[in-house]
Structures are given as structure tokens and as C-alpha cells.
Amino acid sequence: MTEAERNARLVAEAIRALGLSNPANPPDRKFGAALMTAKGNVYAASAFWSETLALCLHAEQAALAHAAAHGEFDIVAL
């Protein structure tokens, strides 16, 4: 897979993750992110917003947590 193909896949997955966004998120708080691990797996997530602000996650943080929850820590692209 070329770098351009990898990047296109990650962008597509980040956009798909927007569809998973909590409907309660304000419109200006809808973000998606995707990452690829050394194994070639892709993990995508949307931002998690909470009115408490203490429980908010950026989309990148959520994607990293998703990968970590699957035991993958070697990130090659975000």
C-alpha cells in the first residue's frame, strides 16, 4: 500500500467515524480521526463530548484508546 493509498483510507475511515458521532454533540464538536497500526489495522473514532467537559475526548484520543483496547500500541499513521 502506498502512502497516498494509506492516507486516503485513513481519511475515508475518519469521515465514516463522523457518522458514529453522538447526536447530542454540538455541530461544532463533531470530529473524526483514524489511525493505522504496524499490523495494518485501522481504528477510527469520533470525538466524545460531554457537558461536564471533564469527560470529553478528542477524536484522536478516542482512536488511540480504541487501538490500545485491542492491544495495539505501534501507531504508524494518524
Protein backbone atom coordinates (compact mmCIF):
# COMPACT_ATOMS: atom_id res chain seq x y z
CA MET A 1 0.00 0.00 0.00
CA THR A 2 1.42 3.36 -0.97
CA GLU A 3 1.46 6.31 1.41
CA ALA A 4 -1.22 8.02 -0.70
CA GLU A 5 -3.46 4.93 -0.55
CA ARG A 6 -2.93 4.64 3.20
CA ASN A 7 -3.78 8.31 3.71
CA ALA A 8 -6.89 8.04 1.53
CA ARG A 9 -8.05 5.04 3.56
CA LEU A 10 -7.48 6.86 6.84
CA VAL A 11 -9.37 9.94 5.63
CA ALA A 12 -12.28 7.75 4.49
CA GLU A 13 -12.38 5.98 7.86
CA ALA A 14 -12.24 9.29 9.76
CA ILE A 15 -15.18 10.57 7.71
CA ARG A 16 -17.06 7.32 8.38
CA ALA A 17 -16.42 7.81 12.10
CA LEU A 18 -18.30 11.10 11.93
CA GLY A 19 -21.42 9.04 11.35
CA LEU A 20 -20.80 7.37 14.71
CA SER A 21 -20.71 10.71 16.50
CA ASN A 22 -23.07 11.17 19.42
CA PRO A 23 -26.14 13.02 18.10
CA ALA A 24 -26.04 15.14 21.28
CA ASN A 25 -22.67 16.59 20.24
CA PRO A 26 -22.99 20.24 19.23
CA PRO A 27 -22.37 20.73 15.49
CA ASP A 28 -19.02 22.41 16.17
CA ARG A 29 -17.89 19.39 18.22
CA LYS A 30 -18.14 16.72 15.51
CA PHE A 31 -14.70 15.43 14.57
CA GLY A 32 -13.41 12.09 13.31
CA ALA A 33 -9.97 10.51 13.31
CA ALA A 34 -8.41 7.27 12.15
CA LEU A 35 -5.07 5.62 12.72
CA MET A 36 -3.17 2.68 11.32
CA THR A 37 -1.05 0.31 13.37
CA ALA A 38 2.10 -1.53 12.34
CA LYS A 39 -0.08 -4.61 11.81
CA GLY A 40 -2.08 -2.68 9.21
CA ASN A 41 -5.24 -2.46 11.29
CA VAL A 42 -7.24 0.77 11.19
CA TYR A 43 -9.04 2.19 14.22
CA ALA A 44 -11.41 5.11 13.79
CA ALA A 45 -13.41 7.12 16.28
CA SER A 46 -15.36 10.32 16.64
CA ALA A 47 -14.93 12.95 19.32
CA PHE A 48 -16.81 12.36 22.54
CA TRP A 49 -18.29 15.49 24.05
CA SER A 50 -19.83 15.82 27.48
CA GLU A 51 -21.37 18.83 29.14
CA THR A 52 -19.14 18.16 32.14
CA LEU A 53 -16.12 18.88 29.92
CA ALA A 54 -14.07 16.58 32.17
CA LEU A 55 -15.21 13.54 30.20
CA CYS A 56 -14.54 14.85 26.69
CA LEU A 57 -12.24 13.02 24.28
CA HIS A 58 -10.73 14.36 21.11
CA ALA A 59 -11.27 12.05 18.13
CA GLU A 60 -7.53 11.28 18.06
CA GLN A 61 -7.59 10.29 21.74
CA ALA A 62 -10.59 8.06 21.18
CA ALA A 63 -8.92 6.34 18.20
CA LEU A 64 -5.75 5.77 20.24
CA ALA A 65 -7.80 4.33 23.11
CA HIS A 66 -9.61 2.07 20.62
CA ALA A 67 -6.30 0.72 19.32
CA ALA A 68 -4.95 0.28 22.86
CA ALA A 69 -8.10 -1.59 23.88
CA HIS A 70 -7.20 -4.08 21.15
CA GLY A 71 -3.61 -4.40 22.39
CA GLU A 72 -2.09 -2.35 19.58
CA PHE A 73 0.37 0.37 20.54
CA ASP A 74 2.64 0.68 17.48
CA ILE A 75 0.99 3.52 15.53
CA VAL A 76 2.38 4.25 12.06
CA ALA A 77 -0.08 6.90 10.84
CA LEU A 78 -2.79 9.11 12.34
